[in-house]
PDB file of all heavy atoms in Angstrom:
ATOM      1  N   LYS A   1      38.339   5.483   1.602  1.00  0.00           N
ATOM      2  CA  LYS A   1      38.445   6.179   2.888  1.00  0.00           C
ATOM      3  C   LYS A   1      38.865   7.635   2.724  1.00  0.00           C
ATOM      4  O   LYS A   1      38.447   8.491   3.492  1.00  0.00           O
ATOM      5  CB  LYS A   1      39.512   5.490   3.772  1.00  0.00           C
ATOM      6  CG  LYS A   1      39.101   4.148   4.324  1.00  0.00           C
ATOM      7  CD  LYS A   1      40.263   3.600   5.151  1.00  0.00           C
ATOM      8  CE  LYS A   1      39.956   2.219   5.694  1.00  0.00           C
ATOM      9  NZ  LYS A   1      41.153   1.627   6.317  1.00  0.00           N
ATOM     10  N   LYS A   2      39.734   7.914   1.728  1.00  0.00           N
ATOM     11  CA  LYS A   2      40.407   9.229   1.724  1.00  0.00           C
ATOM     12  C   LYS A   2      40.321  10.018   0.427  1.00  0.00           C
ATOM     13  O   LYS A   2      40.720  11.181   0.406  1.00  0.00           O
ATOM     14  CB  LYS A   2      41.895   9.036   2.047  1.00  0.00           C
ATOM     15  CG  LYS A   2      42.158   8.371   3.370  1.00  0.00           C
ATOM     16  CD  LYS A   2      43.643   8.068   3.512  1.00  0.00           C
ATOM     17  CE  LYS A   2      43.908   7.026   4.568  1.00  0.00           C
ATOM     18  NZ  LYS A   2      45.284   6.525   4.500  1.00  0.00           N
ATOM     19  N   SER A   3      39.841   9.412  -0.650  1.00  0.00           N
ATOM     20  CA  SER A   3      39.826  10.143  -1.916  1.00  0.00           C
ATOM     21  C   SER A   3      38.996  11.414  -1.804  1.00  0.00           C
ATOM     22  O   SER A   3      38.003  11.465  -1.075  1.00  0.00           O
ATOM     23  CB  SER A   3      39.238   9.257  -3.018  1.00  0.00           C
ATOM     24  OG  SER A   3      38.910  10.056  -4.138  1.00  0.00           O
ATOM     25  N   ARG A   4      39.395  12.430  -2.563  1.00  0.00           N
ATOM     26  CA  ARG A   4      38.633  13.681  -2.598  1.00  0.00           C
ATOM     27  C   ARG A   4      37.235  13.456  -3.178  1.00  0.00           C
ATOM     28  O   ARG A   4      36.326  14.251  -2.951  1.00  0.00           O
ATOM     29  CB  ARG A   4      39.398  14.734  -3.406  1.00  0.00           C
ATOM     30  CG  ARG A   4      40.782  14.993  -2.825  1.00  0.00           C
ATOM     31  CD  ARG A   4      41.436  16.235  -3.393  1.00  0.00           C
ATOM     32  NE  ARG A   4      41.627  16.189  -4.824  1.00  0.00           N
ATOM     33  CZ  ARG A   4      42.133  17.197  -5.541  1.00  0.00           C
ATOM     34  NH1 ARG A   4      42.472  18.330  -4.949  1.00  0.00           N
ATOM     35  NH2 ARG A   4      42.300  17.097  -6.843  1.00  0.00           N
ATOM     36  N   ASP A   5      37.061  12.368  -3.916  1.00  0.00           N
ATOM     37  CA  ASP A   5      35.739  12.062  -4.478  1.00  0.00           C
ATOM     38  C   ASP A   5      34.671  11.893  -3.396  1.00  0.00           C
ATOM     39  O   ASP A   5      33.492  12.132  -3.651  1.00  0.00           O
ATOM     40  CB  ASP A   5      35.805  10.765  -5.312  1.00  0.00           C
ATOM     41  CG  ASP A   5      36.605  10.958  -6.582  1.00  0.00           C
ATOM     42  OD1 ASP A   5      36.256  11.842  -7.377  1.00  0.00           O
ATOM     43  OD2 ASP A   5      37.589  10.222  -6.783  1.00  0.00           O
ATOM     44  N   ASN A   6      35.086  11.493  -2.200  1.00  0.00           N
ATOM     45  CA  ASN A   6      34.107  11.272  -1.121  1.00  0.00           C
ATOM     46  C   ASN A   6      33.304  12.524  -0.797  1.00  0.00           C
ATOM     47  O   ASN A   6      32.128  12.445  -0.445  1.00  0.00           O
ATOM     48  CB  ASN A   6      34.822  10.774   0.146  1.00  0.00           C
ATOM     49  CG  ASN A   6      35.269   9.336   0.010  1.00  0.00           C
ATOM     50  OD1 ASN A   6      34.453   8.452  -0.225  1.00  0.00           O
ATOM     51  ND2 ASN A   6      36.565   9.091   0.128  1.00  0.00           N
ATOM     52  N   GLY A   7      33.960  13.684  -0.903  1.00  0.00           N
ATOM     53  CA  GLY A   7      33.267  14.930  -0.612  1.00  0.00           C
ATOM     54  C   GLY A   7      32.640  15.566  -1.847  1.00  0.00           C
ATOM     55  O   GLY A   7      32.109  16.667  -1.770  1.00  0.00           O
ATOM     56  N   ARG A   8      32.711  14.870  -2.984  1.00  0.00           N
ATOM     57  CA  ARG A   8      32.297  15.493  -4.240  1.00  0.00           C
ATOM     58  C   ARG A   8      31.085  14.841  -4.896  1.00  0.00           C
ATOM     59  O   ARG A   8      30.674  15.258  -5.973  1.00  0.00           O
ATOM     60  CB  ARG A   8      33.492  15.483  -5.210  1.00  0.00           C
ATOM     61  CG  ARG A   8      34.647  16.307  -4.680  1.00  0.00           C
ATOM     62  CD  ARG A   8      35.857  16.310  -5.580  1.00  0.00           C
ATOM     63  NE  ARG A   8      36.906  17.183  -5.039  1.00  0.00           N
ATOM     64  CZ  ARG A   8      37.997  17.531  -5.686  1.00  0.00           C
ATOM     65  NH1 ARG A   8      38.207  17.089  -6.917  1.00  0.00           N
ATOM     66  NH2 ARG A   8      38.901  18.328  -5.135  1.00  0.00           N
ATOM     67  N   THR A   9      30.531  13.814  -4.253  1.00  0.00           N
ATOM     68  CA  THR A   9      29.314  13.233  -4.832  1.00  0.00           C
ATOM     69  C   THR A   9      28.198  14.282  -4.750  1.00  0.00           C
ATOM     70  O   THR A   9      28.190  15.104  -3.833  1.00  0.00           O
ATOM     71  CB  THR A   9      28.885  11.953  -4.084  1.00  0.00           C
ATOM     72  OG1 THR A   9      28.758  12.257  -2.686  1.00  0.00           O
ATOM     73  CG2 THR A   9      29.879  10.823  -4.281  1.00  0.00           C
ATOM     74  N   PRO A  10      27.265  14.279  -5.698  1.00  0.00           N
ATOM     75  CA  PRO A  10      26.221  15.305  -5.705  1.00  0.00           C
ATOM     76  C   PRO A  10      25.428  15.353  -4.400  1.00  0.00           C
ATOM     77  O   PRO A  10      25.177  14.327  -3.756  1.00  0.00           O
ATOM     78  CB  PRO A  10      25.332  14.883  -6.876  1.00  0.00           C
ATOM     79  CG  PRO A  10      26.279  14.196  -7.823  1.00  0.00           C
ATOM     80  CD  PRO A  10      27.226  13.443  -6.928  1.00  0.00           C
ATOM     81  N   VAL A  11      25.044  16.573  -4.025  1.00  0.00           N
ATOM     82  CA  VAL A  11      24.246  16.762  -2.804  1.00  0.00           C
ATOM     83  C   VAL A  11      22.909  16.032  -2.960  1.00  0.00           C
ATOM     84  O   VAL A  11      22.287  16.042  -4.029  1.00  0.00           O
ATOM     85  CB  VAL A  11      24.027  18.263  -2.520  1.00  0.00           C
ATOM     86  CG1 VAL A  11      23.021  18.459  -1.382  1.00  0.00           C
ATOM     87  CG2 VAL A  11      25.365  18.918  -2.154  1.00  0.00           C
ATOM     88  N   GLN A  12      22.505  15.393  -1.882  1.00  0.00           N
ATOM     89  CA  GLN A  12      21.308  14.551  -1.890  1.00  0.00           C
ATOM     90  C   GLN A  12      20.093  15.382  -1.450  1.00  0.00           C
ATOM     91  O   GLN A  12      19.817  15.533  -0.274  1.00  0.00           O
ATOM     92  CB  GLN A  12      21.564  13.338  -0.980  1.00  0.00           C
ATOM     93  CG  GLN A  12      22.682  12.463  -1.547  1.00  0.00           C
ATOM     94  CD  GLN A  12      23.372  11.519  -0.588  1.00  0.00           C
ATOM     95  OE1 GLN A  12      24.536  11.169  -0.791  1.00  0.00           O
ATOM     96  NE2 GLN A  12      22.675  11.087   0.448  1.00  0.00           N
ATOM     97  N   TRP A  13      19.363  15.914  -2.460  1.00  0.00           N
ATOM     98  CA  TRP A  13      18.265  16.834  -2.168  1.00  0.00           C
ATOM     99  C   TRP A  13      16.959  16.129  -1.831  1.00  0.00           C
ATOM    100  O   TRP A  13      16.170  16.628  -1.043  1.00  0.00           O
ATOM    101  CB  TRP A  13      18.056  17.796  -3.356  1.00  0.00           C
ATOM    102  CG  TRP A  13      19.196  18.753  -3.485  1.00  0.00           C
ATOM    103  CD1 TRP A  13      20.190  18.754  -4.420  1.00  0.00           C
ATOM    104  CD2 TRP A  13      19.490  19.850  -2.607  1.00  0.00           C
ATOM    105  NE1 TRP A  13      21.088  19.760  -4.179  1.00  0.00           N
ATOM    106  CE2 TRP A  13      20.673  20.452  -3.077  1.00  0.00           C
ATOM    107  CE3 TRP A  13      18.874  20.372  -1.467  1.00  0.00           C
ATOM    108  CZ2 TRP A  13      21.244  21.560  -2.440  1.00  0.00           C
ATOM    109  CZ3 TRP A  13      19.440  21.476  -0.840  1.00  0.00           C
ATOM    110  CH2 TRP A  13      20.607  22.057  -1.326  1.00  0.00           C
ATOM    111  N   SER A  14      16.731  14.988  -2.461  1.00  0.00           N
ATOM    112  CA  SER A  14      15.454  14.299  -2.223  1.00  0.00           C
ATOM    113  C   SER A  14      15.616  12.831  -2.578  1.00  0.00           C
ATOM    114  O   SER A  14      16.693  12.398  -2.992  1.00  0.00           O
ATOM    115  CB  SER A  14      14.357  14.924  -3.095  1.00  0.00           C
ATOM    116  OG  SER A  14      14.571  14.578  -4.455  1.00  0.00           O
ATOM    117  N   ASP A  15      14.511  12.055  -2.453  1.00  0.00           N
ATOM    118  CA  ASP A  15      14.596  10.632  -2.822  1.00  0.00           C
ATOM    119  C   ASP A  15      14.188  10.415  -4.281  1.00  0.00           C
ATOM    120  O   ASP A  15      14.001   9.283  -4.722  1.00  0.00           O
ATOM    121  CB  ASP A  15      13.755   9.770  -1.875  1.00  0.00           C
ATOM    122  CG  ASP A  15      12.274  10.147  -1.910  1.00  0.00           C
ATOM    123  OD1 ASP A  15      11.896  11.048  -2.704  1.00  0.00           O
ATOM    124  OD2 ASP A  15      11.496   9.547  -1.149  1.00  0.00           O
ATOM    125  N   ALA A  16      14.067  11.522  -5.041  1.00  0.00           N
ATOM    126  CA  ALA A  16      13.772  11.407  -6.478  1.00  0.00           C
ATOM    127  C   ALA A  16      15.008  10.869  -7.206  1.00  0.00           C
ATOM    128  O   ALA A  16      16.101  10.877  -6.645  1.00  0.00           O
ATOM    129  CB  ALA A  16      13.395  12.783  -7.030  1.00  0.00           C
ATOM    130  N   PRO A  17      14.853  10.385  -8.453  1.00  0.00           N
ATOM    131  CA  PRO A  17      16.022   9.902  -9.196  1.00  0.00           C
ATOM    132  C   PRO A  17      17.143  10.944  -9.200  1.00  0.00           C
ATOM    133  O   PRO A  17      16.868  12.155  -9.232  1.00  0.00           O
ATOM    134  CB  PRO A  17      15.465   9.683 -10.615  1.00  0.00           C
ATOM    135  CG  PRO A  17      14.006   9.424 -10.410  1.00  0.00           C
ATOM    136  CD  PRO A  17      13.597  10.238  -9.225  1.00  0.00           C
ATOM    137  N   ASN A  18      18.403  10.465  -9.160  1.00  0.00           N
ATOM    138  CA  ASN A  18      19.580  11.343  -9.078  1.00  0.00           C
ATOM    139  C   ASN A  18      19.546  12.238  -7.838  1.00  0.00           C
ATOM    140  O   ASN A  18      20.151  13.305  -7.798  1.00  0.00           O
ATOM    141  CB  ASN A  18      19.721  12.215 -10.331  1.00  0.00           C
ATOM    142  CG  ASN A  18      20.187  11.409 -11.542  1.00  0.00           C
ATOM    143  OD1 ASN A  18      20.976  10.482 -11.392  1.00  0.00           O
ATOM    144  ND2 ASN A  18      19.672  11.741 -12.708  1.00  0.00           N
ATOM    145  N   ALA A  19      18.808  11.814  -6.827  1.00  0.00           N
ATOM    146  CA  ALA A  19      18.717  12.537  -5.550  1.00  0.00           C
ATOM    147  C   ALA A  19      18.195  13.960  -5.716  1.00  0.00           C
ATOM    148  O   ALA A  19      18.439  14.821  -4.870  1.00  0.00           O
ATOM    149  CB  ALA A  19      20.078  12.554  -4.839  1.00  0.00           C
ATOM    150  N   GLY A  20      17.496  14.222  -6.828  1.00  0.00           N
ATOM    151  CA  GLY A  20      16.973  15.567  -7.049  1.00  0.00           C
ATOM    152  C   GLY A  20      18.052  16.580  -7.384  1.00  0.00           C
ATOM    153  O   GLY A  20      17.777  17.780  -7.505  1.00  0.00           O
ATOM    154  N   PHE A  21      19.291  16.099  -7.568  1.00  0.00           N
ATOM    155  CA  PHE A  21      20.406  16.996  -7.920  1.00  0.00           C
ATOM    156  C   PHE A  21      20.257  17.509  -9.349  1.00  0.00           C
ATOM    157  O   PHE A  21      20.521  18.666  -9.653  1.00  0.00           O
ATOM    158  CB  PHE A  21      21.739  16.240  -7.741  1.00  0.00           C
ATOM    159  CG  PHE A  21      22.906  16.852  -8.488  1.00  0.00           C
ATOM    160  CD1 PHE A  21      23.476  18.032  -8.043  1.00  0.00           C
ATOM    161  CD2 PHE A  21      23.425  16.244  -9.636  1.00  0.00           C
ATOM    162  CE1 PHE A  21      24.548  18.599  -8.740  1.00  0.00           C
ATOM    163  CE2 PHE A  21      24.487  16.804 -10.330  1.00  0.00           C
ATOM    164  CZ  PHE A  21      25.050  17.985  -9.874  1.00  0.00           C
ATOM    165  N   THR A  22      19.820  16.624 -10.238  1.00  0.00           N
ATOM    166  CA  THR A  22      19.614  16.970 -11.643  1.00  0.00           C
ATOM    167  C   THR A  22      18.371  16.225 -12.124  1.00  0.00           C
ATOM    168  O   THR A  22      17.753  15.490 -11.361  1.00  0.00           O
ATOM    169  CB  THR A  22      20.869  16.612 -12.483  1.00  0.00           C
ATOM    170  OG1 THR A  22      20.703  17.114 -13.807  1.00  0.00           O
ATOM    171  CG2 THR A  22      21.123  15.106 -12.548  1.00  0.00           C
ATOM    172  N   GLY A  23      17.997  16.422 -13.390  1.00  0.00           N
ATOM    173  CA  GLY A  23      16.785  15.793 -13.919  1.00  0.00           C
ATOM    174  C   GLY A  23      16.849  14.279 -13.891  1.00  0.00           C
ATOM    175  O   GLY A  23      17.934  13.683 -13.877  1.00  0.00           O
ATOM    176  N   PRO A  24      15.677  13.624 -13.897  1.00  0.00           N
ATOM    177  CA  PRO A  24      15.628  12.160 -13.758  1.00  0.00           C
ATOM    178  C   PRO A  24      16.257  11.406 -14.926  1.00  0.00           C
ATOM    179  O   PRO A  24      16.728  10.287 -14.761  1.00  0.00           O
ATOM    180  CB  PRO A  24      14.120  11.859 -13.674  1.00  0.00           C
ATOM    181  CG  PRO A  24      13.433  13.075 -14.205  1.00  0.00           C
ATOM    182  CD  PRO A  24      14.336  14.239 -13.946  1.00  0.00           C
TER     183      PRO A  24
END
């Protein structure tokens, strides 16, 4: 509910592997 990790997951750019944040 409250960990700082909640706001730190990689931004979700697309439906590609790793959400398009980095290479597949």
